[in-house]
Amino acid sequence: MHIVTISSGKSYEAKAGEALLDAALRQGVVLDYSCRTGRCSSCKGRVRSGETVAKHDELGLSAEDKANGFILTCVREACGPVELEIGDLGDVVLPEAKTLPCRIQSIERLSHDVARVTLRLPPTAALDFLPGQYIDVIGAEGLRRSYSVANAPRADKLIELHIREVPDGAMSRYWFQHAEANDLLRLRGPLGTFFLRGQTGKDLVLLATGTGIAPVKAILEGLATHSAEAQPRSVTVYWGGRHREDLYWQPGGFDSLTAFRFVPVLSRATDGWTGERGHVQDVMLRQHPDLADTLVYACGSDAMIHGAQAKLHAAGLPERQFHSDAFVCSAAT
């Protein structure tokens, strides 16, 4: 066992061969995380003292990050006592991750390359999750892919997913060529730390590209059930796509949200487009330059996440007021 100490002063034990993130979560120390494969940078921290070793490539780190001592806790293990410069989520208690059977309730196309898949659980099972979290879907021969849940918890316990077709993707071939209603699958979840906290009195901005709108939709549904005292001061959604047909969803039922705005953005708009053009983070900065009391949640492509984070922090967004969930391709298609 090795002792790991983080910025808050909390300490926990890491077993030999155990990822620093896994050890923390096992003992109730909640660190930010998303992919758990070293492909994004949600769980990034800096080593203050001690030695760690990477179990897998840290593709989510730049050369500059590595030179400055940053690591990804999801793929690093301790070689001895370690001190990490990394924040935790305080007293947040994550719902327990479970592996459950499920069946496909329905499949429908939302656009030329996106399908809505609805899963149902057995009558005796329930999945407790926070709006914005994701699940792993486990198919035939153990094929496993991660998808954000696109709804807040519902009385009927249905789970909605927005699935983009990946060219030559093994799981995409299943979803878009073979999947049928009542197919039996398994899911593992909930996972991830992309959920609201500290939004009261803030200007909440939700940035999304592509199917990154799925957890944003879930967060909006959950937020609509909060009391007025727990609401943000305002809520703005910027959703980006390349072409008009990429924007397959329209918000509805959010009248209870204070000062709600929905801003669609196209990066390759034709002449007939009268809405915003460019990248979501640039449109946000033009419309929302005062960032001191702004809380940003960004979900979508890795490029958008990194671009938004760098620009917003440079423009004055406080470090702890940016949360992200980067969609990264699986290591195996």
C-alpha atoms as a PDB file:
ATOM      1  CA  MET A   1       0.000   0.000   0.000  1.00  0.00           C
ATOM      2  CA  HIS A   2       1.139   3.536  -0.791  1.00  0.00           C
ATOM      3  CA  ILE A   3      -0.228   6.737   0.746  1.00  0.00           C
ATOM      4  CA  VAL A   4      -1.485   9.376  -1.699  1.00  0.00           C
ATOM      5  CA  THR A   5      -2.106  12.912  -0.427  1.00  0.00           C
ATOM      6  CA  ILE A   6      -3.998  15.518  -2.480  1.00  0.00           C
ATOM      7  CA  SER A   7      -4.280  19.322  -2.359  1.00  0.00           C
ATOM      8  CA  SER A   8      -7.143  19.385   0.153  1.00  0.00           C
ATOM      9  CA  GLY A   9      -5.024  17.456   2.647  1.00  0.00           C
ATOM     10  CA  LYS A  10      -7.022  14.254   2.242  1.00  0.00           C
ATOM     11  CA  SER A  11      -5.049  11.029   2.056  1.00  0.00           C
ATOM     12  CA  TYR A  12      -5.925   7.584   0.776  1.00  0.00           C
ATOM     13  CA  GLU A  13      -4.213   4.254   0.178  1.00  0.00           C
ATOM     14  CA  ALA A  14      -3.368   2.914  -3.273  1.00  0.00           C
ATOM     15  CA  LYS A  15      -2.704  -0.771  -3.795  1.00  0.00           C
ATOM     16  CA  ALA A  16       0.156  -2.005  -5.939  1.00  0.00           C
ATOM     17  CA  GLY A  17      -0.957  -1.908  -9.562  1.00  0.00           C
ATOM     18  CA  GLU A  18      -4.053   0.197  -8.784  1.00  0.00           C
ATOM     19  CA  ALA A  19      -4.674   3.434 -10.667  1.00  0.00           C
ATOM     20  CA  LEU A  20      -4.564   6.535  -8.474  1.00  0.00           C
ATOM     21  CA  LEU A  21      -8.084   7.466  -9.581  1.00  0.00           C
ATOM     22  CA  ASP A  22      -9.518   4.013  -8.873  1.00  0.00           C
ATOM     23  CA  ALA A  23      -7.965   3.992  -5.417  1.00  0.00           C
ATOM     24  CA  ALA A  24      -9.436   7.411  -4.630  1.00  0.00           C
ATOM     25  CA  LEU A  25     -12.944   6.504  -5.798  1.00  0.00           C
ATOM     26  CA  ARG A  26     -12.803   3.213  -3.907  1.00  0.00           C
ATOM     27  CA  GLN A  27     -12.272   5.164  -0.674  1.00  0.00           C
ATOM     28  CA  GLY A  28     -14.794   7.918  -1.304  1.00  0.00           C
ATOM     29  CA  VAL A  29     -12.345  10.580  -2.460  1.00  0.00           C
ATOM     30  CA  VAL A  30     -14.036  11.916  -5.593  1.00  0.00           C
ATOM     31  CA  LEU A  31     -11.660  13.246  -8.246  1.00  0.00           C
ATOM     32  CA  ASP A  32     -12.884  14.613 -11.568  1.00  0.00           C
ATOM     33  CA  TYR A  33     -12.788  11.987 -14.299  1.00  0.00           C
ATOM     34  CA  SER A  34     -14.330  10.995 -17.598  1.00  0.00           C
ATOM     35  CA  CYS A  35     -12.852   8.443 -20.032  1.00  0.00           C
ATOM     36  CA  ARG A  36     -10.702   6.410 -17.591  1.00  0.00           C
ATOM     37  CA  THR A  37      -8.425   5.381 -20.487  1.00  0.00           C
ATOM     38  CA  GLY A  38      -5.871   8.211 -20.577  1.00  0.00           C
ATOM     39  CA  ARG A  39      -7.445   9.724 -23.688  1.00  0.00           C
ATOM     40  CA  CYS A  40      -8.948  12.885 -22.194  1.00  0.00           C
ATOM     41  CA  SER A  41      -7.549  15.127 -19.470  1.00  0.00           C
ATOM     42  CA  SER A  42     -10.384  15.363 -16.936  1.00  0.00           C
ATOM     43  CA  CYS A  43      -8.374  13.630 -14.207  1.00  0.00           C
ATOM     44  CA  LYS A  44      -5.160  15.602 -14.732  1.00  0.00           C
ATOM     45  CA  GLY A  45      -3.013  16.437 -11.713  1.00  0.00           C
ATOM     46  CA  ARG A  46       0.557  17.451 -10.983  1.00  0.00           C
ATOM     47  CA  VAL A  47       3.001  15.355  -8.953  1.00  0.00           C
ATOM     48  CA  ARG A  48       4.434  17.410  -6.115  1.00  0.00           C
ATOM     49  CA  SER A  49       6.546  14.621  -4.672  1.00  0.00           C
ATOM     50  CA  GLY A  50       6.967  10.902  -5.103  1.00  0.00           C
ATOM     51  CA  GLU A  51       7.108   8.662  -8.136  1.00  0.00           C
ATOM     52  CA  THR A  52       4.354   7.259 -10.340  1.00  0.00           C
ATOM     53  CA  VAL A  53       4.364   5.065 -13.419  1.00  0.00           C
ATOM     54  CA  ALA A  54       1.932   5.053 -16.346  1.00  0.00           C
ATOM     55  CA  LYS A  55       0.060   1.815 -16.995  1.00  0.00           C
ATOM     56  CA  HIS A  56      -1.025   3.056 -20.462  1.00  0.00           C
ATOM     57  CA  ASP A  57      -0.179   5.921 -22.806  1.00  0.00           C
ATOM     58  CA  GLU A  58      -1.349   9.318 -21.555  1.00  0.00           C
ATOM     59  CA  LEU A  59      -2.735  10.573 -24.845  1.00  0.00           C
ATOM     60  CA  GLY A  60      -4.689  13.307 -23.086  1.00  0.00           C
ATOM     61  CA  LEU A  61      -1.494  15.120 -22.054  1.00  0.00           C
ATOM     62  CA  SER A  62       0.472  17.525 -24.218  1.00  0.00           C
ATOM     63  CA  ALA A  63       4.259  17.517 -24.280  1.00  0.00           C
ATOM     64  CA  GLU A  64       4.148  20.712 -22.236  1.00  0.00           C
ATOM     65  CA  ASP A  65       1.890  19.060 -19.633  1.00  0.00           C
ATOM     66  CA  LYS A  66       4.328  16.175 -19.270  1.00  0.00           C
ATOM     67  CA  ALA A  67       7.303  18.519 -19.005  1.00  0.00           C
ATOM     68  CA  ASN A  68       5.527  20.379 -16.205  1.00  0.00           C
ATOM     69  CA  GLY A  69       4.937  17.235 -14.167  1.00  0.00           C
ATOM     70  CA  PHE A  70       1.273  16.592 -14.979  1.00  0.00           C
ATOM     71  CA  ILE A  71      -0.107  13.053 -15.016  1.00  0.00           C
ATOM     72  CA  LEU A  72      -3.465  11.404 -15.639  1.00  0.00           C
ATOM     73  CA  THR A  73      -4.598   9.682 -12.464  1.00  0.00           C
ATOM     74  CA  CYS A  74      -6.772   7.164 -14.349  1.00  0.00           C
ATOM     75  CA  VAL A  75      -3.707   5.403 -15.794  1.00  0.00           C
ATOM     76  CA  ARG A  76      -0.996   6.166 -13.207  1.00  0.00           C
ATOM     77  CA  GLU A  77      -0.062   4.030 -10.227  1.00  0.00           C
ATOM     78  CA  ALA A  78       2.067   4.968  -7.226  1.00  0.00           C
ATOM     79  CA  CYS A  79       5.552   3.567  -6.691  1.00  0.00           C
ATOM     80  CA  GLY A  80       5.694   4.903  -3.126  1.00  0.00           C
ATOM     81  CA  PRO A  81       4.213   7.804  -1.139  1.00  0.00           C
ATOM     82  CA  VAL A  82       2.871  10.466  -3.510  1.00  0.00           C
ATOM     83  CA  GLU A  83       1.682  14.057  -3.103  1.00  0.00           C
ATOM     84  CA  LEU A  84      -0.622  15.307  -5.857  1.00  0.00           C
ATOM     85  CA  GLU A  85      -1.651  18.816  -6.769  1.00  0.00           C
ATOM     86  CA  ILE A  86      -5.243  18.011  -7.679  1.00  0.00           C
ATOM     87  CA  GLY A  87      -8.664  19.087  -6.484  1.00  0.00           C
ATOM     88  CA  ASP A  88     -11.449  16.845  -5.279  1.00  0.00           C
ATOM     89  CA  LEU A  89     -15.226  17.258  -5.189  1.00  0.00           C
ATOM     90  CA  GLY A  90     -15.431  17.658  -1.425  1.00  0.00           C
ATOM     91  CA  ASP A  91     -18.335  15.855   0.202  1.00  0.00           C
ATOM     92  CA  VAL A  92     -19.968  14.756  -3.078  1.00  0.00           C
ATOM     93  CA  VAL A  93     -21.084  11.111  -2.890  1.00  0.00           C
ATOM     94  CA  LEU A  94     -21.306   9.385  -6.256  1.00  0.00           C
ATOM     95  CA  PRO A  95     -24.091   6.882  -6.939  1.00  0.00           C
ATOM     96  CA  GLU A  96     -22.761   3.334  -6.862  1.00  0.00           C
ATOM     97  CA  ALA A  97     -21.740   1.948 -10.248  1.00  0.00           C
ATOM     98  CA  LYS A  98     -23.516  -1.332 -11.069  1.00  0.00           C
ATOM     99  CA  THR A  99     -23.574  -3.830 -13.895  1.00  0.00           C
ATOM    100  CA  LEU A 100     -27.170  -4.469 -14.950  1.00  0.00           C
ATOM    101  CA  PRO A 101     -28.944  -6.307 -17.756  1.00  0.00           C
ATOM    102  CA  CYS A 102     -31.027  -4.187 -20.111  1.00  0.00           C
ATOM    103  CA  ARG A 103     -32.976  -4.517 -23.336  1.00  0.00           C
ATOM    104  CA  ILE A 104     -33.425  -2.161 -26.252  1.00  0.00           C
ATOM    105  CA  GLN A 105     -36.810  -0.483 -25.932  1.00  0.00           C
ATOM    106  CA  SER A 106     -36.583   1.410 -29.215  1.00  0.00           C
ATOM    107  CA  ILE A 107     -34.200   2.728 -31.883  1.00  0.00           C
ATOM    108  CA  GLU A 108     -34.890   5.720 -34.102  1.00  0.00           C
ATOM    109  CA  ARG A 109     -32.807   7.898 -36.386  1.00  0.00           C
ATOM    110  CA  LEU A 110     -32.408  11.515 -35.299  1.00  0.00           C
ATOM    111  CA  SER A 111     -30.183  12.505 -38.226  1.00  0.00           C
ATOM    112  CA  HIS A 112     -28.191  10.877 -41.006  1.00  0.00           C
ATOM    113  CA  ASP A 113     -25.560   9.672 -38.520  1.00  0.00           C
ATOM    114  CA  VAL A 114     -27.208   9.838 -35.068  1.00  0.00           C
ATOM    115  CA  ALA A 115     -29.662   7.382 -33.528  1.00  0.00           C
ATOM    116  CA  ARG A 116     -31.647   7.609 -30.313  1.00  0.00           C
ATOM    117  CA  VAL A 117     -31.483   4.300 -28.450  1.00  0.00           C
ATOM    118  CA  THR A 118     -33.764   3.810 -25.465  1.00  0.00           C
ATOM    119  CA  LEU A 119     -32.891   1.065 -22.984  1.00  0.00           C
ATOM    120  CA  ARG A 120     -35.180  -0.484 -20.388  1.00  0.00           C
ATOM    121  CA  LEU A 121     -34.129  -2.161 -17.178  1.00  0.00           C
ATOM    122  CA  PRO A 122     -35.706  -5.229 -15.534  1.00  0.00           C
ATOM    123  CA  PRO A 123     -38.716  -4.327 -13.339  1.00  0.00           C
ATOM    124  CA  THR A 124     -36.744  -5.128 -10.187  1.00  0.00           C
ATOM    125  CA  ALA A 125     -33.638  -3.104 -11.178  1.00  0.00           C
ATOM    126  CA  ALA A 126     -32.891   0.595 -10.905  1.00  0.00           C
ATOM    127  CA  LEU A 127     -30.006   2.788 -11.999  1.00  0.00           C
ATOM    128  CA  ASP A 128     -29.367   5.748  -9.721  1.00  0.00           C
ATOM    129  CA  PHE A 129     -27.450   8.456 -11.567  1.00  0.00           C
ATOM    130  CA  LEU A 130     -26.860  12.189 -11.651  1.00  0.00           C
ATOM    131  CA  PRO A 131     -27.909  14.041 -14.828  1.00  0.00           C
ATOM    132  CA  GLY A 132     -24.820  14.363 -17.016  1.00  0.00           C
ATOM    133  CA  GLN A 133     -23.172  11.055 -16.088  1.00  0.00           C
ATOM    134  CA  TYR A 134     -22.490   8.277 -18.585  1.00  0.00           C
ATOM    135  CA  ILE A 135     -22.754   4.505 -18.808  1.00  0.00           C
ATOM    136  CA  ASP A 136     -20.797   1.778 -20.549  1.00  0.00           C
ATOM    137  CA  VAL A 137     -22.898  -0.434 -22.795  1.00  0.00           C
ATOM    138  CA  ILE A 138     -21.576  -3.996 -23.057  1.00  0.00           C
ATOM    139  CA  GLY A 139     -22.546  -5.916 -26.165  1.00  0.00           C
ATOM    140  CA  ALA A 140     -21.727  -9.240 -27.752  1.00  0.00           C
ATOM    141  CA  GLU A 141     -18.304 -10.731 -27.053  1.00  0.00           C
ATOM    142  CA  GLY A 142     -17.660  -8.077 -24.402  1.00  0.00           C
ATOM    143  CA  LEU A 143     -17.604  -5.151 -26.829  1.00  0.00           C
ATOM    144  CA  ARG A 144     -17.872  -2.073 -24.612  1.00  0.00           C
ATOM    145  CA  ARG A 145     -18.494   1.601 -25.397  1.00  0.00           C
ATOM    146  CA  SER A 146     -19.296   4.678 -23.306  1.00  0.00           C
ATOM    147  CA  TYR A 147     -22.382   6.841 -23.884  1.00  0.00           C
ATOM    148  CA  SER A 148     -23.761   9.806 -21.969  1.00  0.00           C
ATOM    149  CA  VAL A 149     -27.263   9.361 -20.603  1.00  0.00           C
ATOM    150  CA  ALA A 150     -29.486  11.855 -22.434  1.00  0.00           C
ATOM    151  CA  ASN A 151     -32.213  12.123 -19.811  1.00  0.00           C
ATOM    152  CA  ALA A 152     -32.615  12.854 -16.123  1.00  0.00           C
ATOM    153  CA  PRO A 153     -33.882   9.959 -13.958  1.00  0.00           C
ATOM    154  CA  ARG A 154     -37.444   9.022 -14.979  1.00  0.00           C
ATOM    155  CA  ALA A 155     -40.262   7.210 -13.224  1.00  0.00           C
ATOM    156  CA  ASP A 156     -40.311   4.546 -15.960  1.00  0.00           C
ATOM    157  CA  LYS A 157     -36.515   4.056 -15.505  1.00  0.00           C
ATOM    158  CA  LEU A 158     -35.848   4.258 -19.269  1.00  0.00           C
ATOM    159  CA  ILE A 159     -32.348   5.286 -20.353  1.00  0.00           C
ATOM    160  CA  GLU A 160     -31.964   7.436 -23.472  1.00  0.00           C
ATOM    161  CA  LEU A 161     -28.716   7.483 -25.478  1.00  0.00           C
ATOM    162  CA  HIS A 162     -27.702   9.551 -28.525  1.00  0.00           C
ATOM    163  CA  ILE A 163     -25.316   7.437 -30.577  1.00  0.00           C
ATOM    164  CA  ARG A 164     -23.257   8.773 -33.476  1.00  0.00           C
ATOM    165  CA  GLU A 165     -22.232   6.404 -36.253  1.00  0.00           C
ATOM    166  CA  VAL A 166     -18.459   5.968 -36.390  1.00  0.00           C
ATOM    167  CA  PRO A 167     -17.134   4.805 -39.789  1.00  0.00           C
ATOM    168  CA  ASP A 168     -15.873   1.210 -39.527  1.00  0.00           C
ATOM    169  CA  GLY A 169     -16.712   1.161 -35.808  1.00  0.00           C
ATOM    170  CA  ALA A 170     -17.519  -2.302 -34.463  1.00  0.00           C
ATOM    171  CA  MET A 171     -20.193  -1.028 -32.079  1.00  0.00           C
ATOM    172  CA  SER A 172     -21.555   1.311 -34.780  1.00  0.00           C
ATOM    173  CA  ARG A 173     -22.076  -1.660 -37.086  1.00  0.00           C
ATOM    174  CA  TYR A 174     -24.194  -3.230 -34.381  1.00  0.00           C
ATOM    175  CA  TRP A 175     -26.256  -0.118 -33.621  1.00  0.00           C
ATOM    176  CA  PHE A 176     -26.849   0.953 -37.219  1.00  0.00           C
ATOM    177  CA  GLN A 177     -27.053  -2.411 -39.013  1.00  0.00           C
ATOM    178  CA  HIS A 178     -28.074  -5.166 -36.629  1.00  0.00           C
ATOM    179  CA  ALA A 179     -29.640  -3.845 -33.412  1.00  0.00           C
ATOM    180  CA  GLU A 180     -33.331  -4.566 -32.864  1.00  0.00           C
ATOM    181  CA  ALA A 181     -35.888  -3.887 -30.165  1.00  0.00           C
ATOM    182  CA  ASN A 182     -35.678  -6.370 -27.260  1.00  0.00           C
ATOM    183  CA  ASP A 183     -32.003  -7.179 -27.874  1.00  0.00           C
ATOM    184  CA  LEU A 184     -30.367  -8.091 -24.557  1.00  0.00           C
ATOM    185  CA  LEU A 185     -27.346  -6.043 -23.473  1.00  0.00           C
ATOM    186  CA  ARG A 186     -25.623  -5.085 -20.245  1.00  0.00           C
ATOM    187  CA  LEU A 187     -24.732  -1.672 -18.896  1.00  0.00           C
ATOM    188  CA  ARG A 188     -22.225  -0.486 -16.324  1.00  0.00           C
ATOM    189  CA  GLY A 189     -22.777   2.781 -14.541  1.00  0.00           C
ATOM    190  CA  PRO A 190     -23.225   5.470 -13.657  1.00  0.00           C
ATOM    191  CA  LEU A 191     -19.754   6.830 -14.385  1.00  0.00           C
ATOM    192  CA  GLY A 192     -18.053  10.206 -14.627  1.00  0.00           C
ATOM    193  CA  THR A 193     -18.235  13.504 -12.757  1.00  0.00           C
ATOM    194  CA  PHE A 194     -19.952  15.659 -15.383  1.00  0.00           C
ATOM    195  CA  PHE A 195     -22.878  16.821 -13.274  1.00  0.00           C
ATOM    196  CA  LEU A 196     -23.988  20.158 -11.815  1.00  0.00           C
ATOM    197  CA  ARG A 197     -22.631  21.564  -8.587  1.00  0.00           C
ATOM    198  CA  GLY A 198     -22.229  25.093  -7.315  1.00  0.00           C
ATOM    199  CA  GLN A 199     -24.671  26.550  -9.852  1.00  0.00           C
ATOM    200  CA  THR A 200     -26.810  28.603  -7.448  1.00  0.00           C
ATOM    201  CA  GLY A 201     -26.667  32.298  -8.309  1.00  0.00           C
ATOM    202  CA  LYS A 202     -24.224  31.757 -11.195  1.00  0.00           C
ATOM    203  CA  ASP A 203     -24.664  32.333 -14.915  1.00  0.00           C
ATOM    204  CA  LEU A 204     -24.645  28.736 -16.183  1.00  0.00           C
ATOM    205  CA  VAL A 205     -23.301  28.209 -19.699  1.00  0.00           C
ATOM    206  CA  LEU A 206     -23.542  24.796 -21.350  1.00  0.00           C
ATOM    207  CA  LEU A 207     -21.307  24.275 -24.399  1.00  0.00           C
ATOM    208  CA  ALA A 208     -21.898  21.273 -26.656  1.00  0.00           C
ATOM    209  CA  THR A 209     -20.875  19.949 -30.039  1.00  0.00           C
ATOM    210  CA  GLY A 210     -22.484  16.989 -31.799  1.00  0.00           C
ATOM    211  CA  THR A 211     -23.878  14.341 -29.478  1.00  0.00           C
ATOM    212  CA  GLY A 212     -22.379  16.294 -26.596  1.00  0.00           C
ATOM    213  CA  ILE A 213     -25.886  17.733 -26.369  1.00  0.00           C
ATOM    214  CA  ALA A 214     -27.008  14.436 -24.752  1.00  0.00           C
ATOM    215  CA  PRO A 215     -25.714  15.101 -21.200  1.00  0.00           C
ATOM    216  CA  VAL A 216     -26.636  18.776 -21.586  1.00  0.00           C
ATOM    217  CA  LYS A 217     -30.237  17.709 -22.255  1.00  0.00           C
ATOM    218  CA  ALA A 218     -30.104  15.517 -19.136  1.00  0.00           C
ATOM    219  CA  ILE A 219     -28.703  18.379 -17.035  1.00  0.00           C
ATOM    220  CA  LEU A 220     -31.457  20.722 -18.254  1.00  0.00           C
ATOM    221  CA  GLU A 221     -34.140  18.156 -17.393  1.00  0.00           C
ATOM    222  CA  GLY A 222     -32.689  17.702 -13.930  1.00  0.00           C
ATOM    223  CA  LEU A 223     -32.294  21.427 -13.405  1.00  0.00           C
ATOM    224  CA  ALA A 224     -35.942  22.015 -14.304  1.00  0.00           C
ATOM    225  CA  THR A 225     -36.932  20.023 -11.203  1.00  0.00           C
ATOM    226  CA  HIS A 226     -34.845  22.153  -8.802  1.00  0.00           C
ATOM    227  CA  SER A 227     -36.397  24.719  -6.511  1.00  0.00           C
ATOM    228  CA  ALA A 228     -36.066  28.393  -7.403  1.00  0.00           C
ATOM    229  CA  GLU A 229     -33.460  28.790  -4.641  1.00  0.00           C
ATOM    230  CA  ALA A 230     -31.210  26.175  -6.289  1.00  0.00           C
ATOM    231  CA  GLN A 231     -31.453  27.652  -9.794  1.00  0.00           C
ATOM    232  CA  PRO A 232     -28.649  29.501 -11.599  1.00  0.00           C
ATOM    233  CA  ARG A 233     -29.111  33.193 -12.296  1.00  0.00           C
ATOM    234  CA  SER A 234     -29.331  32.381 -16.015  1.00  0.00           C
ATOM    235  CA  VAL A 235     -28.947  29.335 -18.277  1.00  0.00           C
ATOM    236  CA  THR A 236     -27.512  29.516 -21.804  1.00  0.00           C
ATOM    237  CA  VAL A 237     -26.903  26.571 -24.141  1.00  0.00           C
ATOM    238  CA  TYR A 238     -24.547  26.915 -27.125  1.00  0.00           C
ATOM    239  CA  TRP A 239     -24.799  23.874 -29.398  1.00  0.00           C
ATOM    240  CA  GLY A 240     -22.480  23.587 -32.359  1.00  0.00           C
ATOM    241  CA  GLY A 241     -22.551  21.515 -35.540  1.00  0.00           C
ATOM    242  CA  ARG A 242     -21.075  21.811 -38.991  1.00  0.00           C
ATOM    243  CA  HIS A 243     -24.303  21.865 -40.983  1.00  0.00           C
ATOM    244  CA  ARG A 244     -27.952  22.596 -40.197  1.00  0.00           C
ATOM    245  CA  GLU A 245     -28.885  18.883 -40.306  1.00  0.00           C
ATOM    246  CA  ASP A 246     -26.369  18.161 -37.520  1.00  0.00           C
ATOM    247  CA  LEU A 247     -28.590  20.008 -35.026  1.00  0.00           C
ATOM    248  CA  TYR A 248     -31.118  17.239 -34.495  1.00  0.00           C
ATOM    249  CA  TRP A 249     -32.698  18.418 -31.207  1.00  0.00           C
ATOM    250  CA  GLN A 250     -34.759  21.387 -30.069  1.00  0.00           C
ATOM    251  CA  PRO A 251     -35.241  22.239 -26.368  1.00  0.00           C
ATOM    252  CA  GLY A 252     -38.701  22.168 -24.856  1.00  0.00           C
ATOM    253  CA  GLY A 253     -40.284  22.067 -21.428  1.00  0.00           C
ATOM    254  CA  PHE A 254     -37.722  24.322 -19.746  1.00  0.00           C
ATOM    255  CA  ASP A 255     -39.995  27.268 -19.001  1.00  0.00           C
ATOM    256  CA  SER A 256     -39.196  26.951 -15.296  1.00  0.00           C
ATOM    257  CA  LEU A 257     -35.522  27.786 -15.913  1.00  0.00           C
ATOM    258  CA  THR A 258     -34.533  31.384 -15.205  1.00  0.00           C
ATOM    259  CA  ALA A 259     -33.451  33.447 -18.235  1.00  0.00           C
ATOM    260  CA  PHE A 260     -33.055  30.392 -20.487  1.00  0.00           C
ATOM    261  CA  ARG A 261     -31.435  30.865 -23.913  1.00  0.00           C
ATOM    262  CA  PHE A 262     -30.665  28.316 -26.634  1.00  0.00           C
ATOM    263  CA  VAL A 263     -28.106  29.360 -29.252  1.00  0.00           C
ATOM    264  CA  PRO A 264     -27.439  27.001 -32.190  1.00  0.00           C
ATOM    265  CA  VAL A 265     -24.091  27.573 -33.921  1.00  0.00           C
ATOM    266  CA  LEU A 266     -22.842  26.298 -37.304  1.00  0.00           C
ATOM    267  CA  SER A 267     -19.179  26.181 -38.307  1.00  0.00           C
ATOM    268  CA  ARG A 268     -19.879  25.495 -42.003  1.00  0.00           C
ATOM    269  CA  ALA A 269     -23.160  27.304 -42.500  1.00  0.00           C
ATOM    270  CA  THR A 270     -24.625  27.945 -45.935  1.00  0.00           C
ATOM    271  CA  ASP A 271     -25.918  31.325 -47.086  1.00  0.00           C
ATOM    272  CA  GLY A 272     -29.427  30.505 -45.862  1.00  0.00           C
ATOM    273  CA  TRP A 273     -28.364  30.227 -42.216  1.00  0.00           C
ATOM    274  CA  THR A 274     -29.390  33.249 -40.141  1.00  0.00           C
ATOM    275  CA  GLY A 275     -28.074  32.023 -36.796  1.00  0.00           C
ATOM    276  CA  GLU A 276     -24.633  32.193 -35.186  1.00  0.00           C
ATOM    277  CA  ARG A 277     -21.558  31.019 -37.091  1.00  0.00           C
ATOM    278  CA  GLY A 278     -18.156  29.744 -35.971  1.00  0.00           C
ATOM    279  CA  HIS A 279     -17.211  27.845 -32.815  1.00  0.00           C
ATOM    280  CA  VAL A 280     -19.359  27.707 -29.692  1.00  0.00           C
ATOM    281  CA  GLN A 281     -16.662  29.091 -27.387  1.00  0.00           C
ATOM    282  CA  ASP A 282     -16.077  32.112 -29.653  1.00  0.00           C
ATOM    283  CA  VAL A 283     -19.798  32.876 -29.884  1.00  0.00           C
ATOM    284  CA  MET A 284     -20.062  32.565 -26.115  1.00  0.00           C
ATOM    285  CA  LEU A 285     -17.217  35.036 -25.548  1.00  0.00           C
ATOM    286  CA  ARG A 286     -18.798  37.555 -27.921  1.00  0.00           C
ATOM    287  CA  GLN A 287     -22.142  37.345 -26.144  1.00  0.00           C
ATOM    288  CA  HIS A 288     -20.945  36.703 -22.586  1.00  0.00           C
ATOM    289  CA  PRO A 289     -17.669  38.581 -21.955  1.00  0.00           C
ATOM    290  CA  ASP A 290     -18.072  38.911 -18.158  1.00  0.00           C
ATOM    291  CA  LEU A 291     -16.948  35.537 -16.767  1.00  0.00           C
ATOM    292  CA  ALA A 292     -16.375  36.164 -13.048  1.00  0.00           C
ATOM    293  CA  ASP A 293     -19.731  34.663 -12.002  1.00  0.00           C
ATOM    294  CA  THR A 294     -20.006  32.190 -14.888  1.00  0.00           C
ATOM    295  CA  LEU A 295     -20.046  28.418 -14.524  1.00  0.00           C
ATOM    296  CA  VAL A 296     -19.237  26.514 -17.722  1.00  0.00           C
ATOM    297  CA  TYR A 297     -19.966  22.875 -18.554  1.00  0.00           C
ATOM    298  CA  ALA A 298     -18.570  21.759 -21.922  1.00  0.00           C
ATOM    299  CA  CYS A 299     -19.220  18.443 -23.640  1.00  0.00           C
ATOM    300  CA  GLY A 300     -18.264  17.249 -27.106  1.00  0.00           C
ATOM    301  CA  SER A 301     -15.129  16.942 -29.193  1.00  0.00           C
ATOM    302  CA  ASP A 302     -11.742  16.971 -27.503  1.00  0.00           C
ATOM    303  CA  ALA A 303     -10.691  19.877 -29.730  1.00  0.00           C
ATOM    304  CA  MET A 304     -13.624  21.994 -28.579  1.00  0.00           C
ATOM    305  CA  ILE A 305     -12.986  21.173 -24.927  1.00  0.00           C
ATOM    306  CA  HIS A 306      -9.315  22.159 -25.041  1.00  0.00           C
ATOM    307  CA  GLY A 307      -9.985  25.213 -27.190  1.00  0.00           C
ATOM    308  CA  ALA A 308     -12.796  26.427 -24.950  1.00  0.00           C
ATOM    309  CA  GLN A 309     -10.859  25.845 -21.750  1.00  0.00           C
ATOM    310  CA  ALA A 310      -7.797  27.759 -22.957  1.00  0.00           C
ATOM    311  CA  LYS A 311      -9.776  30.712 -24.348  1.00  0.00           C
ATOM    312  CA  LEU A 312     -12.168  31.041 -21.420  1.00  0.00           C
ATOM    313  CA  HIS A 313      -9.465  30.875 -18.760  1.00  0.00           C
ATOM    314  CA  ALA A 314      -7.419  33.443 -20.719  1.00  0.00           C
ATOM    315  CA  ALA A 315     -10.519  35.679 -20.774  1.00  0.00           C
ATOM    316  CA  GLY A 316     -10.900  35.493 -16.993  1.00  0.00           C
ATOM    317  CA  LEU A 317     -12.991  32.406 -16.215  1.00  0.00           C
ATOM    318  CA  PRO A 318     -11.892  31.099 -12.784  1.00  0.00           C
ATOM    319  CA  GLU A 319     -10.105  27.744 -12.957  1.00  0.00           C
ATOM    320  CA  ARG A 320     -12.623  25.835 -10.839  1.00  0.00           C
ATOM    321  CA  GLN A 321     -15.602  27.096 -12.864  1.00  0.00           C
ATOM    322  CA  PHE A 322     -14.956  25.021 -15.985  1.00  0.00           C
ATOM    323  CA  HIS A 323     -16.086  21.385 -16.129  1.00  0.00           C
ATOM    324  CA  SER A 324     -15.847  19.138 -19.160  1.00  0.00           C
ATOM    325  CA  ASP A 325     -16.600  15.761 -20.641  1.00  0.00           C
ATOM    326  CA  ALA A 326     -14.586  15.150 -23.798  1.00  0.00           C
ATOM    327  CA  PHE A 327     -15.875  12.566 -26.274  1.00  0.00           C
ATOM    328  CA  VAL A 328     -12.840  10.569 -27.390  1.00  0.00           C
ATOM    329  CA  CYS A 329     -12.808   7.648 -29.803  1.00  0.00           C
ATOM    330  CA  SER A 330     -12.296   4.218 -28.333  1.00  0.00           C
ATOM    331  CA  ALA A 331      -8.797   2.804 -28.582  1.00  0.00           C
ATOM    332  CA  ALA A 332     -10.339  -0.054 -30.566  1.00  0.00           C
ATOM    333  CA  THR A 333     -13.011   0.652 -33.153  1.00  0.00           C
END
